C-alpha atoms as a PDB file:
ATOM      1  CA  MET A   1     187.881  72.378  92.093  1.00  0.00           C
ATOM      2  CA  LYS A   2     187.235  75.992  92.692  1.00  0.00           C
ATOM      3  CA  THR A   3     184.064  77.011  94.509  1.00  0.00           C
ATOM      4  CA  TRP A   4     182.669  79.097  91.645  1.00  0.00           C
ATOM      5  CA  LYS A   5     182.923  76.129  89.258  1.00  0.00           C
ATOM      6  CA  LYS A   6     181.012  73.923  91.704  1.00  0.00           C
ATOM      7  CA  ILE A   7     178.295  76.563  91.964  1.00  0.00           C
ATOM      8  CA  LEU A   8     178.071  76.882  88.167  1.00  0.00           C
ATOM      9  CA  ILE A   9     177.816  73.113  87.654  1.00  0.00           C
ATOM     10  CA  THR A  10     175.151  72.829  90.351  1.00  0.00           C
ATOM     11  CA  ALA A  11     173.140  75.677  88.782  1.00  0.00           C
ATOM     12  CA  LEU A  12     173.328  74.094  85.329  1.00  0.00           C
ATOM     13  CA  CYS A  13     172.166  70.753  86.697  1.00  0.00           C
ATOM     14  CA  MET A  14     169.224  72.398  88.452  1.00  0.00           C
ATOM     15  CA  LEU A  15     168.295  74.241  85.247  1.00  0.00           C
ATOM     16  CA  SER A  16     168.484  70.975  83.267  1.00  0.00           C
ATOM     17  CA  VAL A  17     166.213  69.213  85.751  1.00  0.00           C
ATOM     18  CA  ALA A  18     163.757  72.139  85.696  1.00  0.00           C
ATOM     19  CA  ALA A  19     163.730  72.120  81.886  1.00  0.00           C
ATOM     20  CA  LEU A  20     163.092  68.373  81.863  1.00  0.00           C
ATOM     21  CA  VAL A  21     160.231  68.688  84.340  1.00  0.00           C
ATOM     22  CA  PHE A  22     158.750  71.543  82.311  1.00  0.00           C
ATOM     23  CA  ALA A  23     159.014  69.496  79.095  1.00  0.00           C
ATOM     24  CA  CYS A  24     157.249  66.574  80.787  1.00  0.00           C
ATOM     25  CA  LEU A  25     154.452  68.819  82.015  1.00  0.00           C
ATOM     26  CA  MET A  26     154.003  70.349  78.559  1.00  0.00           C
ATOM     27  CA  THR A  27     153.932  66.882  77.007  1.00  0.00           C
ATOM     28  CA  LYS A  28     151.208  65.812  79.410  1.00  0.00           C
ATOM     29  CA  VAL A  29     149.206  68.985  78.731  1.00  0.00           C
ATOM     30  CA  TYR A  30     149.537  68.419  74.988  1.00  0.00           C
ATOM     31  CA  TYR A  31     148.531  64.778  75.326  1.00  0.00           C
ATOM     32  CA  ASP A  32     145.541  65.607  77.502  1.00  0.00           C
ATOM     33  CA  LYS A  33     144.446  68.300  75.069  1.00  0.00           C
ATOM     34  CA  TYR A  34     144.820  66.389  71.821  1.00  0.00           C
ATOM     35  CA  HIS A  35     144.874  62.675  72.682  1.00  0.00           C
ATOM     36  CA  GLN A  36     142.880  61.967  75.802  1.00  0.00           C
ATOM     37  CA  VAL A  37     139.572  60.346  74.926  1.00  0.00           C
ATOM     38  CA  THR A  38     136.417  61.671  76.546  1.00  0.00           C
ATOM     39  CA  TYR A  39     132.769  60.868  75.887  1.00  0.00           C
ATOM     40  CA  ARG A  40     129.818  63.095  76.446  1.00  0.00           C
ATOM     41  CA  GLU A  41     126.942  60.884  77.501  1.00  0.00           C
ATOM     42  CA  SER A  42     124.625  63.896  77.272  1.00  0.00           C
ATOM     43  CA  HIS A  43     125.469  64.101  73.553  1.00  0.00           C
ATOM     44  CA  SER A  44     124.243  60.637  72.620  1.00  0.00           C
ATOM     45  CA  ARG A  45     121.247  59.109  70.923  1.00  0.00           C
ATOM     46  CA  ARG A  46     119.780  55.644  70.615  1.00  0.00           C
ATOM     47  CA  VAL A  47     119.742  54.593  66.943  1.00  0.00           C
ATOM     48  CA  SER A  48     118.116  51.196  67.529  1.00  0.00           C
ATOM     49  CA  PRO A  49     116.814  49.316  70.608  1.00  0.00           C
ATOM     50  CA  ASN A  50     120.289  48.120  71.657  1.00  0.00           C
ATOM     51  CA  ILE A  51     122.689  50.503  69.932  1.00  0.00           C
ATOM     52  CA  LEU A  52     123.764  53.898  71.233  1.00  0.00           C
ATOM     53  CA  LEU A  53     125.532  56.571  69.186  1.00  0.00           C
ATOM     54  CA  LEU A  54     128.154  58.372  71.282  1.00  0.00           C
ATOM     55  CA  TYR A  55     130.026  61.562  70.481  1.00  0.00           C
ATOM     56  CA  GLY A  56     133.616  61.438  71.682  1.00  0.00           C
ATOM     57  CA  TYR A  57     136.612  63.759  71.669  1.00  0.00           C
ATOM     58  CA  HIS A  58     140.368  63.478  71.400  1.00  0.00           C
ATOM     59  CA  GLY A  59     140.993  66.745  73.131  1.00  0.00           C
ATOM     60  CA  MET A  60     139.395  69.149  70.654  1.00  0.00           C
ATOM     61  CA  ASN A  61     138.944  66.648  67.815  1.00  0.00           C
ATOM     62  CA  GLY A  62     135.546  64.969  67.690  1.00  0.00           C
ATOM     63  CA  PHE A  63     134.495  61.523  66.516  1.00  0.00           C
ATOM     64  CA  GLU A  64     131.426  59.257  66.606  1.00  0.00           C
ATOM     65  CA  GLN A  65     131.186  55.668  67.777  1.00  0.00           C
ATOM     66  CA  LEU A  66     128.486  53.030  68.295  1.00  0.00           C
ATOM     67  CA  LYS A  67     128.105  51.093  71.524  1.00  0.00           C
ATOM     68  CA  ASP A  68     126.043  48.002  72.375  1.00  0.00           C
ATOM     69  CA  ILE A  69     124.227  48.838  75.614  1.00  0.00           C
ATOM     70  CA  ARG A  70     123.746  45.128  76.406  1.00  0.00           C
ATOM     71  CA  THR A  71     127.451  44.310  76.465  1.00  0.00           C
ATOM     72  CA  GLY A  72     128.800  47.785  77.168  1.00  0.00           C
ATOM     73  CA  LYS A  73     131.286  47.344  74.311  1.00  0.00           C
ATOM     74  CA  PHE A  74     131.927  49.563  71.326  1.00  0.00           C
ATOM     75  CA  THR A  75     130.961  47.959  68.012  1.00  0.00           C
ATOM     76  CA  THR A  76     132.812  50.355  65.698  1.00  0.00           C
ATOM     77  CA  PRO A  77     136.146  52.140  65.696  1.00  0.00           C
ATOM     78  CA  GLU A  78     136.200  55.917  66.043  1.00  0.00           C
ATOM     79  CA  LEU A  79     134.502  57.363  62.947  1.00  0.00           C
ATOM     80  CA  ASP A  80     134.309  60.853  61.538  1.00  0.00           C
ATOM     81  CA  HIS A  81     130.522  60.717  61.002  1.00  0.00           C
ATOM     82  CA  ILE A  82     127.616  58.277  60.880  1.00  0.00           C
ATOM     83  CA  PHE A  83     124.776  59.310  58.587  1.00  0.00           C
ATOM     84  CA  ILE A  84     121.842  58.092  60.678  1.00  0.00           C
ATOM     85  CA  ASN A  85     118.447  58.787  59.056  1.00  0.00           C
ATOM     86  CA  GLU A  86     119.964  61.572  56.958  1.00  0.00           C
ATOM     87  CA  TYR A  87     117.788  60.730  53.972  1.00  0.00           C
ATOM     88  CA  ASP A  88     114.697  59.590  55.897  1.00  0.00           C
ATOM     89  CA  VAL A  89     114.859  55.940  54.828  1.00  0.00           C
ATOM     90  CA  GLU A  90     114.028  52.825  56.794  1.00  0.00           C
ATOM     91  CA  ASP A  91     116.829  50.479  55.648  1.00  0.00           C
ATOM     92  CA  SER A  92     119.013  49.252  58.514  1.00  0.00           C
ATOM     93  CA  LEU A  93     122.265  49.853  56.616  1.00  0.00           C
ATOM     94  CA  VAL A  94     123.510  53.431  56.798  1.00  0.00           C
ATOM     95  CA  VAL A  95     126.624  55.252  55.649  1.00  0.00           C
ATOM     96  CA  PHE A  96     129.602  56.009  57.846  1.00  0.00           C
ATOM     97  CA  ARG A  97     132.640  58.157  57.025  1.00  0.00           C
ATOM     98  CA  THR A  98     136.172  57.578  58.283  1.00  0.00           C
ATOM     99  CA  HIS A  99     138.648  60.314  59.162  1.00  0.00           C
ATOM    100  CA  ASP A 100     140.366  59.810  55.808  1.00  0.00           C
ATOM    101  CA  ARG A 101     137.000  60.675  54.149  1.00  0.00           C
ATOM    102  CA  LEU A 102     136.206  57.200  52.774  1.00  0.00           C
ATOM    103  CA  ARG A 103     132.719  55.790  53.260  1.00  0.00           C
ATOM    104  CA  GLY A 104     131.219  52.409  54.003  1.00  0.00           C
ATOM    105  CA  TYR A 105     128.091  50.899  55.579  1.00  0.00           C
ATOM    106  CA  LEU A 106     127.118  49.673  59.035  1.00  0.00           C
ATOM    107  CA  ASN A 107     124.010  48.047  60.470  1.00  0.00           C
ATOM    108  CA  VAL A 108     122.256  50.249  63.042  1.00  0.00           C
ATOM    109  CA  ASN A 109     120.539  47.224  64.621  1.00  0.00           C
ATOM    110  CA  THR A 110     123.791  45.375  65.403  1.00  0.00           C
ATOM    111  CA  GLY A 111     126.199  48.310  65.318  1.00  0.00           C
ATOM    112  CA  LYS A 112     128.590  46.270  63.157  1.00  0.00           C
ATOM    113  CA  ILE A 113     130.345  47.437  59.998  1.00  0.00           C
ATOM    114  CA  ILE A 114     128.966  45.407  57.079  1.00  0.00           C
ATOM    115  CA  ILE A 115     130.683  46.979  54.064  1.00  0.00           C
ATOM    116  CA  PRO A 116     134.174  48.415  54.733  1.00  0.00           C
ATOM    117  CA  ALA A 117     134.973  52.017  53.849  1.00  0.00           C
ATOM    118  CA  ARG A 118     136.162  52.095  50.236  1.00  0.00           C
ATOM    119  CA  PHE A 119     133.910  54.620  48.517  1.00  0.00           C
ATOM    120  CA  ASP A 120     134.539  58.296  47.752  1.00  0.00           C
ATOM    121  CA  ARG A 121     130.846  59.017  48.317  1.00  0.00           C
ATOM    122  CA  ALA A 122     127.959  56.800  49.349  1.00  0.00           C
ATOM    123  CA  TRP A 123     124.244  57.201  49.910  1.00  0.00           C
ATOM    124  CA  ASN A 124     122.030  55.332  52.363  1.00  0.00           C
ATOM    125  CA  PHE A 125     120.226  52.228  51.191  1.00  0.00           C
ATOM    126  CA  SER A 126     116.723  52.568  49.787  1.00  0.00           C
ATOM    127  CA  GLU A 127     114.582  49.738  48.508  1.00  0.00           C
ATOM    128  CA  GLY A 128     117.518  47.364  49.006  1.00  0.00           C
ATOM    129  CA  LEU A 129     120.005  49.282  46.839  1.00  0.00           C
ATOM    130  CA  ALA A 130     122.573  51.985  47.487  1.00  0.00           C
ATOM    131  CA  GLY A 131     124.431  54.376  45.206  1.00  0.00           C
ATOM    132  CA  VAL A 132     128.202  54.648  45.634  1.00  0.00           C
ATOM    133  CA  LEU A 133     130.848  56.780  43.941  1.00  0.00           C
ATOM    134  CA  ILE A 134     134.397  55.725  43.054  1.00  0.00           C
ATOM    135  CA  ASP A 135     136.639  57.834  40.800  1.00  0.00           C
ATOM    136  CA  GLY A 136     133.745  59.889  39.458  1.00  0.00           C
ATOM    137  CA  VAL A 137     131.555  56.882  38.550  1.00  0.00           C
ATOM    138  CA  VAL A 138     128.262  56.078  40.279  1.00  0.00           C
ATOM    139  CA  SER A 139     127.244  52.441  40.612  1.00  0.00           C
ATOM    140  CA  PHE A 140     124.735  50.599  42.782  1.00  0.00           C
ATOM    141  CA  ILE A 141     125.333  47.816  45.271  1.00  0.00           C
ATOM    142  CA  LYS A 142     123.205  45.331  47.174  1.00  0.00           C
ATOM    143  CA  GLU A 143     123.282  44.861  50.939  1.00  0.00           C
ATOM    144  CA  ASP A 144     126.079  42.295  50.617  1.00  0.00           C
ATOM    145  CA  GLY A 145     128.246  44.899  48.871  1.00  0.00           C
ATOM    146  CA  LYS A 146     128.036  43.209  45.468  1.00  0.00           C
ATOM    147  CA  PRO A 147     126.958  45.123  42.326  1.00  0.00           C
ATOM    148  CA  ALA A 148     123.195  45.379  41.851  1.00  0.00           C
ATOM    149  CA  PHE A 149     123.586  45.575  38.042  1.00  0.00           C
ATOM    150  CA  GLU A 150     126.381  46.075  35.519  1.00  0.00           C
ATOM    151  CA  GLN A 151     125.410  49.560  34.356  1.00  0.00           C
ATOM    152  CA  THR A 152     127.512  52.392  35.782  1.00  0.00           C
ATOM    153  CA  PHE A 153     127.094  56.156  35.416  1.00  0.00           C
ATOM    154  CA  PRO A 154     130.089  58.481  34.988  1.00  0.00           C
ATOM    155  CA  ILE A 155     129.219  61.910  36.358  1.00  0.00           C
ATOM    156  CA  CYS A 156     130.978  65.253  36.435  1.00  0.00           C
ATOM    157  CA  TYR A 157     131.830  65.090  40.131  1.00  0.00           C
ATOM    158  CA  ASN A 158     132.972  68.031  42.216  1.00  0.00           C
ATOM    159  CA  GLU A 159     133.657  67.327  45.882  1.00  0.00           C
ATOM    160  CA  ASN A 160     132.551  70.868  46.730  1.00  0.00           C
ATOM    161  CA  TYR A 161     129.185  70.305  45.041  1.00  0.00           C
ATOM    162  CA  GLU A 162     126.546  68.477  47.047  1.00  0.00           C
ATOM    163  CA  ASP A 163     124.841  65.993  44.728  1.00  0.00           C
ATOM    164  CA  PRO A 164     121.229  65.049  45.361  1.00  0.00           C
ATOM    165  CA  SER A 165     120.948  61.657  47.003  1.00  0.00           C
ATOM    166  CA  PHE A 166     120.956  58.816  44.493  1.00  0.00           C
ATOM    167  CA  GLN A 167     118.129  56.858  46.099  1.00  0.00           C
ATOM    168  CA  PHE A 168     115.237  54.792  44.809  1.00  0.00           C
ATOM    169  CA  HIS A 169     111.637  55.825  45.385  1.00  0.00           C
ATOM    170  CA  ASN A 170     108.884  53.590  44.002  1.00  0.00           C
ATOM    171  CA  GLY A 171     111.471  51.744  41.930  1.00  0.00           C
ATOM    172  CA  LEU A 172     113.033  54.818  40.303  1.00  0.00           C
ATOM    173  CA  CYS A 173     116.142  56.845  41.065  1.00  0.00           C
ATOM    174  CA  VAL A 174     117.377  60.176  39.704  1.00  0.00           C
ATOM    175  CA  MET A 175     120.598  59.969  37.728  1.00  0.00           C
ATOM    176  CA  ARG A 176     122.763  62.545  35.981  1.00  0.00           C
ATOM    177  CA  THR A 177     125.121  62.377  33.008  1.00  0.00           C
ATOM    178  CA  MET A 178     128.543  63.858  32.289  1.00  0.00           C
ATOM    179  CA  ASP A 179     126.897  66.890  30.684  1.00  0.00           C
ATOM    180  CA  ASP A 180     124.794  67.386  33.829  1.00  0.00           C
ATOM    181  CA  LYS A 181     121.458  66.253  32.423  1.00  0.00           C
ATOM    182  CA  TRP A 182     119.029  64.381  34.644  1.00  0.00           C
ATOM    183  CA  GLY A 183     116.739  61.414  34.104  1.00  0.00           C
ATOM    184  CA  LEU A 184     115.330  58.415  36.015  1.00  0.00           C
ATOM    185  CA  ILE A 185     116.603  54.838  36.090  1.00  0.00           C
ATOM    186  CA  ASN A 186     114.916  51.691  37.382  1.00  0.00           C
ATOM    187  CA  THR A 187     116.327  49.004  39.688  1.00  0.00           C
ATOM    188  CA  ARG A 188     117.935  47.282  36.673  1.00  0.00           C
ATOM    189  CA  GLY A 189     119.891  50.391  35.717  1.00  0.00           C
ATOM    190  CA  GLU A 190     117.718  51.150  32.670  1.00  0.00           C
ATOM    191  CA  TRP A 191     116.692  54.684  31.708  1.00  0.00           C
ATOM    192  CA  ILE A 192     112.946  55.051  32.261  1.00  0.00           C
ATOM    193  CA  VAL A 193     113.025  58.841  31.805  1.00  0.00           C
ATOM    194  CA  ASN A 194     115.755  59.918  29.416  1.00  0.00           C
ATOM    195  CA  PRO A 195     118.297  62.441  30.786  1.00  0.00           C
ATOM    196  CA  ILE A 196     116.841  65.598  29.243  1.00  0.00           C
ATOM    197  CA  TYR A 197     116.233  67.753  32.331  1.00  0.00           C
ATOM    198  CA  ASN A 198     118.448  70.200  34.183  1.00  0.00           C
ATOM    199  CA  ALA A 199     117.021  69.046  37.517  1.00  0.00           C
ATOM    200  CA  ILE A 200     114.617  66.469  38.948  1.00  0.00           C
ATOM    201  CA  ASP A 201     113.389  66.746  42.536  1.00  0.00           C
ATOM    202  CA  ALA A 202     112.644  63.970  45.000  1.00  0.00           C
ATOM    203  CA  PRO A 203     109.025  62.702  44.965  1.00  0.00           C
ATOM    204  CA  TYR A 204     106.325  64.680  46.713  1.00  0.00           C
ATOM    205  CA  HIS A 205     102.807  63.239  46.986  1.00  0.00           C
ATOM    206  CA  GLY A 206     103.260  61.118  43.875  1.00  0.00           C
ATOM    207  CA  TYR A 207     104.990  63.716  41.688  1.00  0.00           C
ATOM    208  CA  ARG A 208     108.461  65.004  40.900  1.00  0.00           C
ATOM    209  CA  ARG A 209     109.202  68.573  39.875  1.00  0.00           C
ATOM    210  CA  VAL A 210     111.368  68.842  36.744  1.00  0.00           C
ATOM    211  CA  TYR A 211     113.254  71.796  35.249  1.00  0.00           C
ATOM    212  CA  ASP A 212     114.585  72.247  31.711  1.00  0.00           C
ATOM    213  CA  GLY A 213     116.665  75.348  32.348  1.00  0.00           C
ATOM    214  CA  ASN A 214     113.811  77.741  31.572  1.00  0.00           C
ATOM    215  CA  HIS A 215     110.557  76.318  32.882  1.00  0.00           C
ATOM    216  CA  TYR A 216     109.193  73.881  35.428  1.00  0.00           C
ATOM    217  CA  GLY A 217     106.786  70.989  35.078  1.00  0.00           C
ATOM    218  CA  LEU A 218     105.703  67.860  36.955  1.00  0.00           C
ATOM    219  CA  ILE A 219     106.072  64.175  36.197  1.00  0.00           C
ATOM    220  CA  LYS A 220     104.418  61.290  38.028  1.00  0.00           C
ATOM    221  CA  ASN A 221     106.282  58.745  40.136  1.00  0.00           C
ATOM    222  CA  ASP A 222     106.360  56.384  37.162  1.00  0.00           C
ATOM    223  CA  GLY A 223     108.002  59.055  35.002  1.00  0.00           C
ATOM    224  CA  SER A 224     104.963  59.906  32.891  1.00  0.00           C
ATOM    225  CA  PRO A 225     104.081  63.603  32.322  1.00  0.00           C
ATOM    226  CA  ALA A 226     101.705  65.346  34.743  1.00  0.00           C
ATOM    227  CA  LEU A 227     102.088  69.083  34.049  1.00  0.00           C
ATOM    228  CA  PRO A 228     103.891  70.506  31.003  1.00  0.00           C
ATOM    229  CA  LEU A 229     107.132  72.482  31.177  1.00  0.00           C
ATOM    230  CA  VAL A 230     105.504  75.893  30.924  1.00  0.00           C
ATOM    231  CA  TYR A 231     105.657  77.297  34.488  1.00  0.00           C
ATOM    232  CA  ASP A 232     108.076  79.904  35.817  1.00  0.00           C
ATOM    233  CA  ASP A 233     108.035  78.088  39.137  1.00  0.00           C
ATOM    234  CA  ILE A 234     106.235  75.251  40.890  1.00  0.00           C
ATOM    235  CA  ARG A 235     106.323  75.248  44.688  1.00  0.00           C
ATOM    236  CA  ARG A 236     105.247  72.762  47.284  1.00  0.00           C
ATOM    237  CA  GLU A 237     102.359  74.089  49.340  1.00  0.00           C
ATOM    238  CA  PHE A 238     102.659  72.557  52.809  1.00  0.00           C
ATOM    239  CA  VAL A 239      99.622  74.394  54.208  1.00  0.00           C
ATOM    240  CA  GLY A 240      96.487  73.040  52.583  1.00  0.00           C
ATOM    241  CA  ASN A 241      98.397  70.387  50.600  1.00  0.00           C
ATOM    242  CA  GLY A 242      99.038  70.927  46.929  1.00  0.00           C
ATOM    243  CA  TRP A 243     101.167  73.038  44.616  1.00  0.00           C
ATOM    244  CA  VAL A 244     101.596  76.729  43.902  1.00  0.00           C
ATOM    245  CA  LEU A 245     101.936  77.312  40.160  1.00  0.00           C
ATOM    246  CA  VAL A 246     103.652  80.480  38.923  1.00  0.00           C
ATOM    247  CA  LYS A 247     103.303  81.663  35.342  1.00  0.00           C
ATOM    248  CA  ASP A 248     103.511  85.051  33.600  1.00  0.00           C
ATOM    249  CA  GLY A 249     103.677  87.001  36.864  1.00  0.00           C
ATOM    250  CA  LEU A 250     100.698  85.288  38.503  1.00  0.00           C
ATOM    251  CA  ALA A 251     100.488  82.482  41.045  1.00  0.00           C
ATOM    252  CA  TRP A 252      97.661  80.216  42.168  1.00  0.00           C
ATOM    253  CA  GLN A 253      97.292  77.130  44.324  1.00  0.00           C
ATOM    254  CA  VAL A 254      96.030  73.740  43.153  1.00  0.00           C
ATOM    255  CA  ASP A 255      95.407  70.438  44.902  1.00  0.00           C
ATOM    256  CA  PHE A 256      97.017  67.145  43.921  1.00  0.00           C
ATOM    257  CA  ASP A 257      94.382  66.688  41.221  1.00  0.00           C
ATOM    258  CA  PHE A 258      95.380  70.146  39.900  1.00  0.00           C
ATOM    259  CA  GLN A 259      92.044  71.724  40.754  1.00  0.00           C
ATOM    260  CA  VAL A 260      92.359  75.398  41.716  1.00  0.00           C
ATOM    261  CA  THR A 261      91.898  75.918  45.447  1.00  0.00           C
ATOM    262  CA  VAL A 262      93.278  79.484  45.822  1.00  0.00           C
ATOM    263  CA  PRO A 263      93.049  81.565  42.638  1.00  0.00           C
ATOM    264  CA  PHE A 264      95.450  84.331  43.722  1.00  0.00           C
ATOM    265  CA  VAL A 265      98.640  83.684  45.697  1.00  0.00           C
ATOM    266  CA  HIS A 266     101.414  86.154  46.489  1.00  0.00           C
ATOM    267  CA  ASP A 267     104.496  86.485  48.673  1.00  0.00           C
ATOM    268  CA  GLY A 268     103.585  89.891  50.078  1.00  0.00           C
ATOM    269  CA  ILE A 269     101.505  93.052  49.538  1.00  0.00           C
ATOM    270  CA  HIS A 270     102.669  96.656  50.041  1.00  0.00           C
ATOM    271  CA  THR A 271     100.733  99.900  49.834  1.00  0.00           C
ATOM    272  CA  LEU A 272     101.329 102.212  46.863  1.00  0.00           C
ATOM    273  CA  SER A 273     100.255 105.583  48.249  1.00  0.00           C
ATOM    274  CA  TYR A 274      99.892 109.055  46.757  1.00  0.00           C
ATOM    275  CA  ILE A 275      97.556 112.026  47.367  1.00  0.00           C
ATOM    276  CA  ASP A 276      94.443 110.901  45.578  1.00  0.00           C
ATOM    277  CA  SER A 277      91.289 110.639  47.664  1.00  0.00           C
ATOM    278  CA  TYR A 278      91.015 111.266  51.380  1.00  0.00           C
ATOM    279  CA  ASP A 279      89.476 110.364  54.648  1.00  0.00           C
ATOM    280  CA  THR A 280      89.455 113.101  57.286  1.00  0.00           C
ATOM    281  CA  TYR A 281      90.015 112.932  61.006  1.00  0.00           C
ATOM    282  CA  GLU A 282      90.414 115.455  63.794  1.00  0.00           C
ATOM    283  CA  TYR A 283      93.488 115.861  65.981  1.00  0.00           C
ATOM    284  CA  TYR A 284      94.547 118.239  68.749  1.00  0.00           C
ATOM    285  CA  ASP A 285      97.216 120.781  67.744  1.00  0.00           C
ATOM    286  CA  GLU A 286      99.207 121.609  70.885  1.00  0.00           C
ATOM    287  CA  ALA A 287     100.819 124.688  69.290  1.00  0.00           C
ATOM    288  CA  SER A 288      97.504 126.456  68.693  1.00  0.00           C
ATOM    289  CA  GLY A 289      95.503 124.681  71.380  1.00  0.00           C
ATOM    290  CA  GLU A 290      92.806 123.912  68.824  1.00  0.00           C
ATOM    291  CA  TYR A 291      91.300 120.852  67.173  1.00  0.00           C
ATOM    292  CA  LYS A 292      92.130 120.655  63.474  1.00  0.00           C
ATOM    293  CA  THR A 293      91.187 118.469  60.539  1.00  0.00           C
ATOM    294  CA  ARG A 294      93.803 116.370  58.748  1.00  0.00           C
ATOM    295  CA  LYS A 295      93.344 114.543  55.468  1.00  0.00           C
ATOM    296  CA  GLN A 296      94.577 110.975  55.206  1.00  0.00           C
ATOM    297  CA  ALA A 297      95.127 109.324  51.833  1.00  0.00           C
ATOM    298  CA  GLU A 298      93.167 106.211  51.008  1.00  0.00           C
ATOM    299  CA  PRO A 299      95.361 103.764  49.067  1.00  0.00           C
ATOM    300  CA  ARG A 300      93.735 102.528  45.891  1.00  0.00           C
ATOM    301  CA  PHE A 301      96.577 100.346  44.608  1.00  0.00           C
ATOM    302  CA  PHE A 302      99.036  97.864  46.062  1.00  0.00           C
ATOM    303  CA  ARG A 303     102.270  96.268  44.987  1.00  0.00           C
ATOM    304  CA  PHE A 304     102.287  92.474  45.195  1.00  0.00           C
ATOM    305  CA  ASP A 305     105.346  90.210  44.992  1.00  0.00           C
ATOM    306  CA  ILE A 306     105.837  86.730  43.610  1.00  0.00           C
ATOM    307  CA  GLY A 307     109.349  85.374  43.885  1.00  0.00           C
ATOM    308  CA  GLY A 308     111.632  88.150  42.670  1.00  0.00           C
ATOM    309  CA  GLY A 309     108.936  89.921  40.653  1.00  0.00           C
ATOM    310  CA  SER A 310     106.541  92.745  41.513  1.00  0.00           C
ATOM    311  CA  GLY A 311     103.195  93.856  40.083  1.00  0.00           C
ATOM    312  CA  VAL A 312     100.123  95.940  40.950  1.00  0.00           C
ATOM    313  CA  ILE A 313      96.603  95.094  42.128  1.00  0.00           C
ATOM    314  CA  ASP A 314      93.765  97.431  42.993  1.00  0.00           C
ATOM    315  CA  ALA A 315      91.822  97.581  46.252  1.00  0.00           C
ATOM    316  CA  ASN A 316      89.418  94.914  44.961  1.00  0.00           C
ATOM    317  CA  GLY A 317      92.230  92.447  44.253  1.00  0.00           C
ATOM    318  CA  LYS A 318      92.128  92.874  40.484  1.00  0.00           C
ATOM    319  CA  VAL A 319      95.531  92.455  38.846  1.00  0.00           C
ATOM    320  CA  ILE A 320      96.567  95.630  37.008  1.00  0.00           C
ATOM    321  CA  ILE A 321     100.187  94.703  36.256  1.00  0.00           C
ATOM    322  CA  PRO A 322     101.478  91.117  36.624  1.00  0.00           C
ATOM    323  CA  ALA A 323     104.447  90.502  38.927  1.00  0.00           C
ATOM    324  CA  ILE A 324     107.130  90.341  36.250  1.00  0.00           C
ATOM    325  CA  TYR A 325     109.088  93.513  37.073  1.00  0.00           C
ATOM    326  CA  ASN A 326     111.959  94.190  39.430  1.00  0.00           C
ATOM    327  CA  ASN A 327     109.902  96.812  41.247  1.00  0.00           C
ATOM    328  CA  VAL A 328     106.896  99.067  40.674  1.00  0.00           C
ATOM    329  CA  TYR A 329     106.156 102.603  41.849  1.00  0.00           C
ATOM    330  CA  ILE A 330     103.139 104.853  41.695  1.00  0.00           C
ATOM    331  CA  VAL A 331     103.681 108.167  39.878  1.00  0.00           C
ATOM    332  CA  ASN A 332     100.291 109.857  40.176  1.00  0.00           C
ATOM    333  CA  ASP A 333      96.619 108.986  39.966  1.00  0.00           C
ATOM    334  CA  ARG A 334      97.044 107.898  36.338  1.00  0.00           C
ATOM    335  CA  LEU A 335     100.477 106.270  36.015  1.00  0.00           C
ATOM    336  CA  PHE A 336     102.672 103.485  37.386  1.00  0.00           C
ATOM    337  CA  GLN A 337     106.356 103.078  36.794  1.00  0.00           C
ATOM    338  CA  ALA A 338     107.749  99.534  36.432  1.00  0.00           C
ATOM    339  CA  GLU A 339     111.473  98.856  36.766  1.00  0.00           C
ATOM    340  CA  VAL A 340     112.623  96.279  34.224  1.00  0.00           C
ATOM    341  CA  THR A 341     115.993  95.682  35.938  1.00  0.00           C
ATOM    342  CA  THR A 342     117.674  97.196  38.960  1.00  0.00           C
ATOM    343  CA  CYS A 343     118.724 100.771  38.047  1.00  0.00           C
ATOM    344  CA  GLY A 344     117.649  99.998  34.494  1.00  0.00           C
ATOM    345  CA  GLN A 345     114.946 101.080  32.091  1.00  0.00           C
ATOM    346  CA  ARG A 346     111.531 101.874  33.526  1.00  0.00           C
ATOM    347  CA  LEU A 347     108.209 101.495  31.756  1.00  0.00           C
ATOM    348  CA  LEU A 348     105.027 103.510  32.284  1.00  0.00           C
ATOM    349  CA  PHE A 349     101.568 101.939  32.578  1.00  0.00           C
ATOM    350  CA  ASP A 350      98.161 103.459  33.132  1.00  0.00           C
ATOM    351  CA  THR A 351      95.658 102.290  35.745  1.00  0.00           C
ATOM    352  CA  LYS A 352      94.265  99.765  33.238  1.00  0.00           C
ATOM    353  CA  GLY A 353      97.694  98.160  32.931  1.00  0.00           C
ATOM    354  CA  ARG A 354      98.262  99.455  29.411  1.00  0.00           C
ATOM    355  CA  TYR A 355     101.795 100.366  28.341  1.00  0.00           C
ATOM    356  CA  VAL A 356     102.105 104.102  27.629  1.00  0.00           C
ATOM    357  CA  GLY A 357     105.857 104.713  27.289  1.00  0.00           C
ATOM    358  CA  LYS A 358     109.322 104.686  28.865  1.00  0.00           C
ATOM    359  CA  SER A 359     110.635 106.828  31.668  1.00  0.00           C
ATOM    360  CA  GLY A 360     114.410 106.359  31.147  1.00  0.00           C
ATOM    361  CA  LEU A 361     116.887 105.568  33.882  1.00  0.00           C
END
């Protein structure tokens, strides 16, 4: 065999070996990046006296897993997410989600899966019952996975829409219908509050806020009326405990017996200034080297905001114009201009709050 052929064959063999070694190295790098399991002990939390929640990684892909610290063994397979205390309930059974997006239940005290993943959506147990969703139908199960009652509730489900948690509080649970109306059911699946509302909030100090599409009201934990549906908004007041009621451009705070505690509440106050009356003060004018007198306007009126509305009060806190307009401006010492909509029609009011005409666009 000629020398050049031997050299060519040798070179090809060396290239083949190099390519094989390179392929093996790349395979190892790929495996280490996407398949090697690592755990971050610093990213862990104890969910019960003997059970630890660990956050692990297959390369860049994360998962969650429970481990019994007494035995050192994992009690669950690798899961996409475990919904520990997400809804602030005390039941030991909580929801887990697999990587194929199905949901089931595990016991945080033992770390063991109790109800296998078979639900499209699931909510943590409350008062011994849990809401689950399969094929757009909500039903309720007991802790053994069996139905709590026969009644089921078809809903208009959208996986991109986050439903409120279907959980029981004081024996009642919010439930929606196919036409997106809300009511309350009891632990037997019976309607206690008919589905007539557009929204029902979770309980807060014995009450639930309800909304009919136009106005807000309150119902008690048992579903009976507390405040009528006449308010533009009802807000929780975390400082001082109670509610802020908003109606006709005014807001005030009440306690849980609905006694007024703060008669005037707002989201912010801003000066409405114009040249009207003055205070004077002296300043040094460097250009002339002399002390001069400058007049400073004293604001007499202020814009106040409630939600997305604006109004006017005077320096004594008296409401001149309620906060029902997009914005308000001061024109002169006799007139205010109120913007009905952004870049829309503007109305004129005098300093008594009386309508005097339109100002156009």
